[in-house]
Amino acid sequence: MNAPRMITLLKESYSQDAYGVMTKMTSGRSVIADVQSVTVSEWFEGGRNGLNPEYRMRVRFSEYKGEEMLVYNGIIYTIYRTYMDNDIIELYVEKKKGSAEHELGTDQQQ
């Protein structure tokens, strides 16, 4: 087992201002995760399906609220699938599409 790492689970929501303009807001919650590389078979199957799997993040099921993105080491990742293993949920992630190194600026964290 790897040393526990801090990750930030991201949730996007939208709010409407007084003029009716919708604004996207992102909030984050920090949780402890066991960060592991994906297996060769996960990487191969993901590649066949147009994905670029990078990590498997194991967190307590009670801490996961259906978020679709997370931040690890300042990089935003998309959660493309989950897997339940007793009271642990595995989050399989790839770098967020749209930029090669979509890094989160310090002003955008939490």
PDB file of N, CA and C in Angstrom:
ATOM      1  N   MET A   1       0.838  -1.188   0.000  1.00  0.00           N
ATOM      2  CA  MET A   1       0.000   0.000   0.000  1.00  0.00           C
ATOM      3  C   MET A   1       0.880   1.248   0.000  1.00  0.00           C
ATOM      4  N   ASN A   2       0.479   2.220  -0.767  1.00  0.00           N
ATOM      5  CA  ASN A   2       1.224   3.472  -0.872  1.00  0.00           C
ATOM      6  C   ASN A   2       0.900   4.389   0.308  1.00  0.00           C
ATOM      7  N   ALA A   3       1.735   5.393   0.498  1.00  0.00           N
ATOM      8  CA  ALA A   3       1.479   6.388   1.531  1.00  0.00           C
ATOM      9  C   ALA A   3       0.231   7.183   1.159  1.00  0.00           C
ATOM     10  N   PRO A   4      -0.599   7.509   2.134  1.00  0.00           N
ATOM     11  CA  PRO A   4      -1.813   8.295   1.837  1.00  0.00           C
ATOM     12  C   PRO A   4      -1.453   9.667   1.276  1.00  0.00           C
ATOM     13  N   ARG A   5      -2.253  10.104   0.321  1.00  0.00           N
ATOM     14  CA  ARG A   5      -2.056  11.414  -0.320  1.00  0.00           C
ATOM     15  C   ARG A   5      -3.338  12.236  -0.186  1.00  0.00           C
ATOM     16  N   MET A   6      -3.186  13.533  -0.215  1.00  0.00           N
ATOM     17  CA  MET A   6      -4.336  14.430  -0.178  1.00  0.00           C
ATOM     18  C   MET A   6      -4.776  14.713  -1.608  1.00  0.00           C
ATOM     19  N   ILE A   7      -6.068  14.520  -1.885  1.00  0.00           N
ATOM     20  CA  ILE A   7      -6.644  14.901  -3.166  1.00  0.00           C
ATOM     21  C   ILE A   7      -7.821  15.826  -2.878  1.00  0.00           C
ATOM     22  N   THR A   8      -8.249  16.563  -3.880  1.00  0.00           N
ATOM     23  CA  THR A   8      -9.404  17.441  -3.734  1.00  0.00           C
ATOM     24  C   THR A   8     -10.462  17.012  -4.732  1.00  0.00           C
ATOM     25  N   LEU A   9     -11.611  16.579  -4.216  1.00  0.00           N
ATOM     26  CA  LEU A   9     -12.742  16.216  -5.065  1.00  0.00           C
ATOM     27  C   LEU A   9     -13.468  17.488  -5.462  1.00  0.00           C
ATOM     28  N   LEU A  10     -13.749  17.651  -6.754  1.00  0.00           N
ATOM     29  CA  LEU A  10     -14.359  18.882  -7.268  1.00  0.00           C
ATOM     30  C   LEU A  10     -15.811  18.663  -7.663  1.00  0.00           C
ATOM     31  N   LYS A  11     -16.626  19.639  -7.326  1.00  0.00           N
ATOM     32  CA  LYS A  11     -18.037  19.620  -7.703  1.00  0.00           C
ATOM     33  C   LYS A  11     -18.342  20.922  -8.440  1.00  0.00           C
ATOM     34  N   GLU A  12     -18.967  20.800  -9.604  1.00  0.00           N
ATOM     35  CA  GLU A  12     -19.363  21.981 -10.367  1.00  0.00           C
ATOM     36  C   GLU A  12     -20.848  22.233 -10.173  1.00  0.00           C
ATOM     37  N   SER A  13     -21.187  23.500 -10.058  1.00  0.00           N
ATOM     38  CA  SER A  13     -22.593  23.897  -9.970  1.00  0.00           C
ATOM     39  C   SER A  13     -22.756  25.213 -10.723  1.00  0.00           C
ATOM     40  N   TYR A  14     -23.987  25.582 -10.969  1.00  0.00           N
ATOM     41  CA  TYR A  14     -24.274  26.810 -11.697  1.00  0.00           C
ATOM     42  C   TYR A  14     -25.197  27.677 -10.859  1.00  0.00           C
ATOM     43  N   SER A  15     -24.973  28.977 -10.917  1.00  0.00           N
ATOM     44  CA  SER A  15     -25.862  29.918 -10.236  1.00  0.00           C
ATOM     45  C   SER A  15     -26.234  31.029 -11.210  1.00  0.00           C
ATOM     46  N   GLN A  16     -27.381  31.581 -10.986  1.00  0.00           N
ATOM     47  CA  GLN A  16     -27.892  32.631 -11.862  1.00  0.00           C
ATOM     48  C   GLN A  16     -27.846  33.956 -11.119  1.00  0.00           C
ATOM     49  N   ASP A  17     -27.273  34.979 -11.771  1.00  0.00           N
ATOM     50  CA  ASP A  17     -27.216  36.287 -11.124  1.00  0.00           C
ATOM     51  C   ASP A  17     -28.514  37.053 -11.366  1.00  0.00           C
ATOM     52  N   ALA A  18     -28.582  38.278 -10.891  1.00  0.00           N
ATOM     53  CA  ALA A  18     -29.793  39.096 -10.994  1.00  0.00           C
ATOM     54  C   ALA A  18     -30.173  39.402 -12.436  1.00  0.00           C
ATOM     55  N   TYR A  19     -29.224  39.279 -13.366  1.00  0.00           N
ATOM     56  CA  TYR A  19     -29.480  39.557 -14.770  1.00  0.00           C
ATOM     57  C   TYR A  19     -29.778  38.298 -15.566  1.00  0.00           C
ATOM     58  N   GLY A  20     -29.830  37.161 -14.901  1.00  0.00           N
ATOM     59  CA  GLY A  20     -30.141  35.904 -15.568  1.00  0.00           C
ATOM     60  C   GLY A  20     -28.944  35.207 -16.189  1.00  0.00           C
ATOM     61  N   VAL A  21     -27.750  35.700 -15.917  1.00  0.00           N
ATOM     62  CA  VAL A  21     -26.542  35.099 -16.477  1.00  0.00           C
ATOM     63  C   VAL A  21     -26.120  33.925 -15.594  1.00  0.00           C
ATOM     64  N   MET A  22     -25.936  32.762 -16.235  1.00  0.00           N
ATOM     65  CA  MET A  22     -25.517  31.567 -15.500  1.00  0.00           C
ATOM     66  C   MET A  22     -23.986  31.577 -15.352  1.00  0.00           C
ATOM     67  N   THR A  23     -23.534  31.313 -14.157  1.00  0.00           N
ATOM     68  CA  THR A  23     -22.110  31.281 -13.860  1.00  0.00           C
ATOM     69  C   THR A  23     -21.752  29.924 -13.276  1.00  0.00           C
ATOM     70  N   LYS A  24     -20.701  29.315 -13.823  1.00  0.00           N
ATOM     71  CA  LYS A  24     -20.237  28.032 -13.307  1.00  0.00           C
ATOM     72  C   LYS A  24     -19.356  28.269 -12.091  1.00  0.00           C
ATOM     73  N   MET A  25     -19.640  27.515 -11.033  1.00  0.00           N
ATOM     74  CA  MET A  25     -18.857  27.620  -9.811  1.00  0.00           C
ATOM     75  C   MET A  25     -18.304  26.241  -9.489  1.00  0.00           C
ATOM     76  N   THR A  26     -17.065  26.196  -9.033  1.00  0.00           N
ATOM     77  CA  THR A  26     -16.425  24.940  -8.670  1.00  0.00           C
ATOM     78  C   THR A  26     -16.043  24.996  -7.201  1.00  0.00           C
ATOM     79  N   SER A  27     -16.431  23.967  -6.457  1.00  0.00           N
ATOM     80  CA  SER A  27     -16.045  23.874  -5.056  1.00  0.00           C
ATOM     81  C   SER A  27     -15.308  22.564  -4.853  1.00  0.00           C
ATOM     82  N   GLY A  28     -14.497  22.512  -3.830  1.00  0.00           N
ATOM     83  CA  GLY A  28     -13.698  21.321  -3.596  1.00  0.00           C
ATOM     84  C   GLY A  28     -13.679  20.900  -2.142  1.00  0.00           C
ATOM     85  N   ARG A  29     -13.473  19.588  -1.945  1.00  0.00           N
ATOM     86  CA  ARG A  29     -13.320  19.014  -0.614  1.00  0.00           C
ATOM     87  C   ARG A  29     -12.072  18.148  -0.612  1.00  0.00           C
ATOM     88  N   SER A  30     -11.214  18.339   0.369  1.00  0.00           N
ATOM     89  CA  SER A  30      -9.998  17.540   0.453  1.00  0.00           C
ATOM     90  C   SER A  30     -10.277  16.248   1.207  1.00  0.00           C
ATOM     91  N   VAL A  31      -9.762  15.145   0.666  1.00  0.00           N
ATOM     92  CA  VAL A  31      -9.886  13.835   1.293  1.00  0.00           C
ATOM     93  C   VAL A  31      -8.549  13.100   1.159  1.00  0.00           C
ATOM     94  N   ILE A  32      -8.377  12.090   1.977  1.00  0.00           N
ATOM     95  CA  ILE A  32      -7.189  11.251   1.923  1.00  0.00           C
ATOM     96  C   ILE A  32      -7.452  10.107   0.950  1.00  0.00           C
ATOM     97  N   ALA A  33      -6.462   9.814   0.088  1.00  0.00           N
ATOM     98  CA  ALA A  33      -6.600   8.734  -0.887  1.00  0.00           C
ATOM     99  C   ALA A  33      -5.319   7.909  -0.944  1.00  0.00           C
ATOM    100  N   ASP A  34      -5.497   6.655  -1.294  1.00  0.00           N
ATOM    101  CA  ASP A  34      -4.375   5.782  -1.618  1.00  0.00           C
ATOM    102  C   ASP A  34      -4.237   5.854  -3.137  1.00  0.00           C
ATOM    103  N   VAL A  35      -3.191   6.502  -3.617  1.00  0.00           N
ATOM    104  CA  VAL A  35      -3.006   6.741  -5.052  1.00  0.00           C
ATOM    105  C   VAL A  35      -2.123   5.642  -5.626  1.00  0.00           C
ATOM    106  N   GLN A  36      -2.642   4.985  -6.663  1.00  0.00           N
ATOM    107  CA  GLN A  36      -1.911   3.896  -7.312  1.00  0.00           C
ATOM    108  C   GLN A  36      -1.949   4.087  -8.815  1.00  0.00           C
ATOM    109  N   SER A  37      -0.974   3.533  -9.494  1.00  0.00           N
ATOM    110  CA  SER A  37      -1.007   3.503 -10.955  1.00  0.00           C
ATOM    111  C   SER A  37      -2.082   2.514 -11.390  1.00  0.00           C
ATOM    112  N   VAL A  38      -2.637   2.728 -12.578  1.00  0.00           N
ATOM    113  CA  VAL A  38      -3.600   1.757 -13.095  1.00  0.00           C
ATOM    114  C   VAL A  38      -2.841   0.516 -13.556  1.00  0.00           C
ATOM    115  N   THR A  39      -3.549  -0.599 -13.640  1.00  0.00           N
ATOM    116  CA  THR A  39      -2.933  -1.826 -14.118  1.00  0.00           C
ATOM    117  C   THR A  39      -2.711  -1.743 -15.624  1.00  0.00           C
ATOM    118  N   VAL A  40      -1.883  -2.622 -16.137  1.00  0.00           N
ATOM    119  CA  VAL A  40      -1.626  -2.664 -17.572  1.00  0.00           C
ATOM    120  C   VAL A  40      -2.922  -2.950 -18.334  1.00  0.00           C
ATOM    121  N   SER A  41      -3.733  -3.863 -17.814  1.00  0.00           N
ATOM    122  CA  SER A  41      -4.987  -4.185 -18.507  1.00  0.00           C
ATOM    123  C   SER A  41      -5.945  -3.001 -18.501  1.00  0.00           C
ATOM    124  N   GLU A  42      -6.007  -2.233 -17.400  1.00  0.00           N
ATOM    125  CA  GLU A  42      -6.867  -1.038 -17.341  1.00  0.00           C
ATOM    126  C   GLU A  42      -6.374  -0.005 -18.358  1.00  0.00           C
ATOM    127  N   TRP A  43      -5.061   0.178 -18.428  1.00  0.00           N
ATOM    128  CA  TRP A  43      -4.487   1.139 -19.361  1.00  0.00           C
ATOM    129  C   TRP A  43      -4.780   0.714 -20.801  1.00  0.00           C
ATOM    130  N   PHE A  44      -4.615  -0.563 -21.100  1.00  0.00           N
ATOM    131  CA  PHE A  44      -4.838  -1.068 -22.455  1.00  0.00           C
ATOM    132  C   PHE A  44      -6.309  -0.952 -22.857  1.00  0.00           C
ATOM    133  N   GLU A  45      -7.209  -1.408 -21.995  1.00  0.00           N
ATOM    134  CA  GLU A  45      -8.646  -1.337 -22.297  1.00  0.00           C
ATOM    135  C   GLU A  45      -9.122   0.110 -22.389  1.00  0.00           C
ATOM    136  N   GLY A  46      -8.602   0.960 -21.523  1.00  0.00           N
ATOM    137  CA  GLY A  46      -8.963   2.378 -21.589  1.00  0.00           C
ATOM    138  C   GLY A  46      -8.535   2.996 -22.903  1.00  0.00           C
ATOM    139  N   GLY A  47      -7.315   2.678 -23.336  1.00  0.00           N
ATOM    140  CA  GLY A  47      -6.813   3.182 -24.614  1.00  0.00           C
ATOM    141  C   GLY A  47      -7.667   2.733 -25.777  1.00  0.00           C
ATOM    142  N   ARG A  48      -8.149   1.509 -25.727  1.00  0.00           N
ATOM    143  CA  ARG A  48      -9.027   0.997 -26.788  1.00  0.00           C
ATOM    144  C   ARG A  48     -10.358   1.739 -26.837  1.00  0.00           C
ATOM    145  N   ASN A  49     -10.739   2.350 -25.706  1.00  0.00           N
ATOM    146  CA  ASN A  49     -12.002   3.081 -25.620  1.00  0.00           C
ATOM    147  C   ASN A  49     -11.816   4.594 -25.646  1.00  0.00           C
ATOM    148  N   GLY A  50     -10.653   5.058 -26.081  1.00  0.00           N
ATOM    149  CA  GLY A  50     -10.414   6.492 -26.223  1.00  0.00           C
ATOM    150  C   GLY A  50     -10.041   7.204 -24.935  1.00  0.00           C
ATOM    151  N   LEU A  51      -9.692   6.461 -23.901  1.00  0.00           N
ATOM    152  CA  LEU A  51      -9.298   7.059 -22.627  1.00  0.00           C
ATOM    153  C   LEU A  51      -7.790   6.991 -22.462  1.00  0.00           C
ATOM    154  N   ASN A  52      -7.287   7.754 -21.507  1.00  0.00           N
ATOM    155  CA  ASN A  52      -5.864   7.721 -21.180  1.00  0.00           C
ATOM    156  C   ASN A  52      -5.725   7.538 -19.662  1.00  0.00           C
ATOM    157  N   PRO A  53      -6.027   6.345 -19.149  1.00  0.00           N
ATOM    158  CA  PRO A  53      -6.010   6.105 -17.701  1.00  0.00           C
ATOM    159  C   PRO A  53      -4.641   6.401 -17.083  1.00  0.00           C
ATOM    160  N   GLU A  54      -4.667   7.064 -15.907  1.00  0.00           N
ATOM    161  CA  GLU A  54      -3.410   7.378 -15.234  1.00  0.00           C
ATOM    162  C   GLU A  54      -3.325   6.814 -13.833  1.00  0.00           C
ATOM    163  N   TYR A  55      -4.359   7.054 -13.022  1.00  0.00           N
ATOM    164  CA  TYR A  55      -4.309   6.636 -11.628  1.00  0.00           C
ATOM    165  C   TYR A  55      -5.597   5.951 -11.198  1.00  0.00           C
ATOM    166  N   ARG A  56      -5.452   5.188 -10.112  1.00  0.00           N
ATOM    167  CA  ARG A  56      -6.585   4.625  -9.389  1.00  0.00           C
ATOM    168  C   ARG A  56      -6.478   5.204  -7.985  1.00  0.00           C
ATOM    169  N   MET A  57      -7.498   5.974  -7.591  1.00  0.00           N
ATOM    170  CA  MET A  57      -7.510   6.605  -6.269  1.00  0.00           C
ATOM    171  C   MET A  57      -8.505   5.845  -5.389  1.00  0.00           C
ATOM    172  N   ARG A  58      -8.029   5.309  -4.279  1.00  0.00           N
ATOM    173  CA  ARG A  58      -8.896   4.566  -3.366  1.00  0.00           C
ATOM    174  C   ARG A  58      -9.252   5.471  -2.184  1.00  0.00           C
ATOM    175  N   VAL A  59     -10.547   5.772  -2.029  1.00  0.00           N
ATOM    176  CA  VAL A  59     -11.028   6.612  -0.928  1.00  0.00           C
ATOM    177  C   VAL A  59     -12.169   5.888  -0.217  1.00  0.00           C
ATOM    178  N   ARG A  60     -12.468   6.328   0.986  1.00  0.00           N
ATOM    179  CA  ARG A  60     -13.599   5.757   1.704  1.00  0.00           C
ATOM    180  C   ARG A  60     -14.892   6.110   0.966  1.00  0.00           C
ATOM    181  N   PHE A  61     -15.773   5.124   0.851  1.00  0.00           N
ATOM    182  CA  PHE A  61     -17.036   5.335   0.146  1.00  0.00           C
ATOM    183  C   PHE A  61     -17.830   6.486   0.764  1.00  0.00           C
ATOM    184  N   SER A  62     -17.794   6.612   2.074  1.00  0.00           N
ATOM    185  CA  SER A  62     -18.561   7.661   2.760  1.00  0.00           C
ATOM    186  C   SER A  62     -18.065   9.068   2.422  1.00  0.00           C
ATOM    187  N   GLU A  63     -16.854   9.197   1.890  1.00  0.00           N
ATOM    188  CA  GLU A  63     -16.298  10.505   1.549  1.00  0.00           C
ATOM    189  C   GLU A  63     -16.557  10.909   0.101  1.00  0.00           C
ATOM    190  N   TYR A  64     -17.030   9.975  -0.702  1.00  0.00           N
ATOM    191  CA  TYR A  64     -17.262  10.257  -2.126  1.00  0.00           C
ATOM    192  C   TYR A  64     -18.733  10.585  -2.351  1.00  0.00           C
ATOM    193  N   LYS A  65     -19.009  11.716  -2.976  1.00  0.00           N
ATOM    194  CA  LYS A  65     -20.377  12.201  -3.188  1.00  0.00           C
ATOM    195  C   LYS A  65     -20.719  12.341  -4.671  1.00  0.00           C
ATOM    196  N   GLY A  66     -20.132  11.504  -5.499  1.00  0.00           N
ATOM    197  CA  GLY A  66     -20.453  11.516  -6.925  1.00  0.00           C
ATOM    198  C   GLY A  66     -19.723  12.560  -7.750  1.00  0.00           C
ATOM    199  N   GLU A  67     -18.655  13.125  -7.220  1.00  0.00           N
ATOM    200  CA  GLU A  67     -17.894  14.122  -7.975  1.00  0.00           C
ATOM    201  C   GLU A  67     -17.371  13.505  -9.280  1.00  0.00           C
ATOM    202  N   GLU A  68     -17.197  14.353 -10.294  1.00  0.00           N
ATOM    203  CA  GLU A  68     -16.725  13.892 -11.593  1.00  0.00           C
ATOM    204  C   GLU A  68     -15.304  14.321 -11.911  1.00  0.00           C
ATOM    205  N   MET A  69     -14.706  15.128 -11.026  1.00  0.00           N
ATOM    206  CA  MET A  69     -13.336  15.596 -11.226  1.00  0.00           C
ATOM    207  C   MET A  69     -12.622  15.636  -9.883  1.00  0.00           C
ATOM    208  N   LEU A  70     -11.286  15.645  -9.946  1.00  0.00           N
ATOM    209  CA  LEU A  70     -10.496  15.813  -8.733  1.00  0.00           C
ATOM    210  C   LEU A  70      -9.177  16.474  -9.090  1.00  0.00           C
ATOM    211  N   VAL A  71      -8.508  16.966  -8.069  1.00  0.00           N
ATOM    212  CA  VAL A  71      -7.188  17.577  -8.234  1.00  0.00           C
ATOM    213  C   VAL A  71      -6.181  16.745  -7.464  1.00  0.00           C
ATOM    214  N   TYR A  72      -5.084  16.411  -8.139  1.00  0.00           N
ATOM    215  CA  TYR A  72      -3.980  15.695  -7.503  1.00  0.00           C
ATOM    216  C   TYR A  72      -2.683  16.313  -8.013  1.00  0.00           C
ATOM    217  N   ASN A  73      -1.826  16.735  -7.106  1.00  0.00           N
ATOM    218  CA  ASN A  73      -0.556  17.393  -7.454  1.00  0.00           C
ATOM    219  C   ASN A  73      -0.770  18.590  -8.379  1.00  0.00           C
ATOM    220  N   GLY A  74      -1.842  19.342  -8.162  1.00  0.00           N
ATOM    221  CA  GLY A  74      -2.100  20.555  -8.930  1.00  0.00           C
ATOM    222  C   GLY A  74      -2.670  20.329 -10.316  1.00  0.00           C
ATOM    223  N   ILE A  75      -2.973  19.089 -10.680  1.00  0.00           N
ATOM    224  CA  ILE A  75      -3.512  18.774 -12.005  1.00  0.00           C
ATOM    225  C   ILE A  75      -4.943  18.278 -11.853  1.00  0.00           C
ATOM    226  N   ILE A  76      -5.829  18.752 -12.725  1.00  0.00           N
ATOM    227  CA  ILE A  76      -7.228  18.331 -12.696  1.00  0.00           C
ATOM    228  C   ILE A  76      -7.381  17.043 -13.496  1.00  0.00           C
ATOM    229  N   TYR A  77      -8.042  16.077 -12.878  1.00  0.00           N
ATOM    230  CA  TYR A  77      -8.323  14.793 -13.513  1.00  0.00           C
ATOM    231  C   TYR A  77      -9.830  14.570 -13.594  1.00  0.00           C
ATOM    232  N   THR A  78     -10.258  13.894 -14.639  1.00  0.00           N
ATOM    233  CA  THR A  78     -11.646  13.483 -14.792  1.00  0.00           C
ATOM    234  C   THR A  78     -11.783  12.063 -14.265  1.00  0.00           C
ATOM    235  N   ILE A  79     -12.835  11.816 -13.495  1.00  0.00           N
ATOM    236  CA  ILE A  79     -13.131  10.467 -13.009  1.00  0.00           C
ATOM    237  C   ILE A  79     -13.962   9.792 -14.089  1.00  0.00           C
ATOM    238  N   TYR A  80     -13.417   8.780 -14.746  1.00  0.00           N
ATOM    239  CA  TYR A  80     -14.140   8.145 -15.848  1.00  0.00           C
ATOM    240  C   TYR A  80     -14.864   6.870 -15.433  1.00  0.00           C
ATOM    241  N   ARG A  81     -14.516   6.299 -14.274  1.00  0.00           N
ATOM    242  CA  ARG A  81     -15.272   5.158 -13.751  1.00  0.00           C
ATOM    243  C   ARG A  81     -14.943   4.951 -12.292  1.00  0.00           C
ATOM    244  N   THR A  82     -15.834   4.252 -11.592  1.00  0.00           N
ATOM    245  CA  THR A  82     -15.629   3.920 -10.186  1.00  0.00           C
ATOM    246  C   THR A  82     -15.832   2.426  -9.991  1.00  0.00           C
ATOM    247  N   TYR A  83     -15.305   1.918  -8.883  1.00  0.00           N
ATOM    248  CA  TYR A  83     -15.471   0.506  -8.551  1.00  0.00           C
ATOM    249  C   TYR A  83     -15.545   0.384  -7.030  1.00  0.00           C
ATOM    250  N   MET A  84     -16.594  -0.277  -6.542  1.00  0.00           N
ATOM    251  CA  MET A  84     -16.766  -0.485  -5.103  1.00  0.00           C
ATOM    252  C   MET A  84     -15.989  -1.705  -4.643  1.00  0.00           C
ATOM    253  N   ASP A  85     -15.275  -1.573  -3.534  1.00  0.00           N
ATOM    254  CA  ASP A  85     -14.541  -2.674  -2.918  1.00  0.00           C
ATOM    255  C   ASP A  85     -14.782  -2.568  -1.409  1.00  0.00           C
ATOM    256  N   ASN A  86     -15.875  -3.188  -0.943  1.00  0.00           N
ATOM    257  CA  ASN A  86     -16.326  -3.091   0.448  1.00  0.00           C
ATOM    258  C   ASN A  86     -16.633  -1.636   0.798  1.00  0.00           C
ATOM    259  N   ASP A  87     -15.958  -1.050   1.793  1.00  0.00           N
ATOM    260  CA  ASP A  87     -16.232   0.343   2.167  1.00  0.00           C
ATOM    261  C   ASP A  87     -15.291   1.323   1.480  1.00  0.00           C
ATOM    262  N   ILE A  88     -14.557   0.838   0.474  1.00  0.00           N
ATOM    263  CA  ILE A  88     -13.635   1.672  -0.311  1.00  0.00           C
ATOM    264  C   ILE A  88     -14.189   1.786  -1.734  1.00  0.00           C
ATOM    265  N   ILE A  89     -14.088   2.984  -2.301  1.00  0.00           N
ATOM    266  CA  ILE A  89     -14.448   3.165  -3.706  1.00  0.00           C
ATOM    267  C   ILE A  89     -13.184   3.557  -4.458  1.00  0.00           C
ATOM    268  N   GLU A  90     -12.968   2.901  -5.584  1.00  0.00           N
ATOM    269  CA  GLU A  90     -11.821   3.201  -6.428  1.00  0.00           C
ATOM    270  C   GLU A  90     -12.265   4.179  -7.508  1.00  0.00           C
ATOM    271  N   LEU A  91     -11.537   5.276  -7.652  1.00  0.00           N
ATOM    272  CA  LEU A  91     -11.811   6.292  -8.669  1.00  0.00           C
ATOM    273  C   LEU A  91     -10.733   6.170  -9.736  1.00  0.00           C
ATOM    274  N   TYR A  92     -11.128   5.847 -10.945  1.00  0.00           N
ATOM    275  CA  TYR A  92     -10.181   5.728 -12.061  1.00  0.00           C
ATOM    276  C   TYR A  92     -10.190   7.044 -12.809  1.00  0.00           C
ATOM    277  N   VAL A  93      -9.007   7.630 -12.999  1.00  0.00           N
ATOM    278  CA  VAL A  93      -8.935   8.994 -13.519  1.00  0.00           C
ATOM    279  C   VAL A  93      -7.999   9.114 -14.712  1.00  0.00           C
ATOM    280  N   GLU A  94      -8.277  10.147 -15.526  1.00  0.00           N
ATOM    281  CA  GLU A  94      -7.397  10.567 -16.610  1.00  0.00           C
ATOM    282  C   GLU A  94      -7.306  12.083 -16.547  1.00  0.00           C
ATOM    283  N   LYS A  95      -6.248  12.651 -17.139  1.00  0.00           N
ATOM    284  CA  LYS A  95      -6.131  14.111 -17.156  1.00  0.00           C
ATOM    285  C   LYS A  95      -7.333  14.709 -17.843  1.00  0.00           C
ATOM    286  N   LYS A  96      -7.782  15.839 -17.306  1.00  0.00           N
ATOM    287  CA  LYS A  96      -8.959  16.506 -17.870  1.00  0.00           C
ATOM    288  C   LYS A  96      -8.688  16.878 -19.308  1.00  0.00           C
ATOM    289  N   LYS A  97      -9.628  16.528 -20.170  1.00  0.00           N
ATOM    290  CA  LYS A  97      -9.491  16.854 -21.595  1.00  0.00           C
ATOM    291  C   LYS A  97      -9.624  18.362 -21.796  1.00  0.00           C
ATOM    292  N   GLY A  98      -8.974  18.855 -22.827  1.00  0.00           N
ATOM    293  CA  GLY A  98      -9.051  20.273 -23.130  1.00  0.00           C
ATOM    294  C   GLY A  98      -7.690  20.948 -23.098  1.00  0.00           C
ATOM    295  N   SER A  99      -6.760  20.346 -22.384  1.00  0.00           N
ATOM    296  CA  SER A  99      -5.387  20.848 -22.385  1.00  0.00           C
ATOM    297  C   SER A  99      -4.463  19.727 -21.937  1.00  0.00           C
ATOM    298  N   ALA A 100      -3.250  19.764 -22.420  1.00  0.00           N
ATOM    299  CA  ALA A 100      -2.293  18.702 -22.105  1.00  0.00           C
ATOM    300  C   ALA A 100      -1.947  18.683 -20.625  1.00  0.00           C
ATOM    301  N   GLU A 101      -1.737  19.831 -20.043  1.00  0.00           N
ATOM    302  CA  GLU A 101      -1.383  19.936 -18.630  1.00  0.00           C
ATOM    303  C   GLU A 101      -2.318  20.934 -17.964  1.00  0.00           C
ATOM    304  N   HIS A 102      -3.575  20.576 -17.799  1.00  0.00           N
ATOM    305  CA  HIS A 102      -4.563  21.480 -17.204  1.00  0.00           C
ATOM    306  C   HIS A 102      -4.276  21.602 -15.714  1.00  0.00           C
ATOM    307  N   GLU A 103      -3.466  22.580 -15.367  1.00  0.00           N
ATOM    308  CA  GLU A 103      -3.087  22.745 -13.978  1.00  0.00           C
ATOM    309  C   GLU A 103      -4.002  23.756 -13.316  1.00  0.00           C
ATOM    310  N   LEU A 104      -4.273  23.506 -12.050  1.00  0.00           N
ATOM    311  CA  LEU A 104      -5.144  24.364 -11.273  1.00  0.00           C
ATOM    312  C   LEU A 104      -4.325  25.470 -10.642  1.00  0.00           C
ATOM    313  N   GLY A 105      -4.701  26.718 -10.903  1.00  0.00           N
ATOM    314  CA  GLY A 105      -4.013  27.844 -10.304  1.00  0.00           C
ATOM    315  C   GLY A 105      -4.354  27.940  -8.824  1.00  0.00           C
ATOM    316  N   THR A 106      -3.500  28.564  -8.051  1.00  0.00           N
ATOM    317  CA  THR A 106      -3.723  28.647  -6.608  1.00  0.00           C
ATOM    318  C   THR A 106      -4.967  29.438  -6.288  1.00  0.00           C
ATOM    319  N   ASP A 107      -5.388  30.356  -7.158  1.00  0.00           N
ATOM    320  CA  ASP A 107      -6.582  31.137  -6.882  1.00  0.00           C
ATOM    321  C   ASP A 107      -7.861  30.333  -7.121  1.00  0.00           C
ATOM    322  N   GLN A 108      -7.776  29.165  -7.759  1.00  0.00           N
ATOM    323  CA  GLN A 108      -8.949  28.361  -8.056  1.00  0.00           C
ATOM    324  C   GLN A 108      -9.129  27.224  -7.062  1.00  0.00           C
ATOM    325  N   GLN A 109      -8.171  26.946  -6.219  1.00  0.00           N
ATOM    326  CA  GLN A 109      -8.299  25.842  -5.283  1.00  0.00           C
ATOM    327  C   GLN A 109      -9.300  26.192  -4.215  1.00  0.00           C
ATOM    328  N   GLN A 110     -10.201  25.260  -3.965  1.00  0.00           N
ATOM    329  CA  GLN A 110     -11.238  25.334  -2.945  1.00  0.00           C
ATOM    330  C   GLN A 110     -11.833  26.677  -2.904  1.00  0.00           C
TER     331      GLN A 110
END
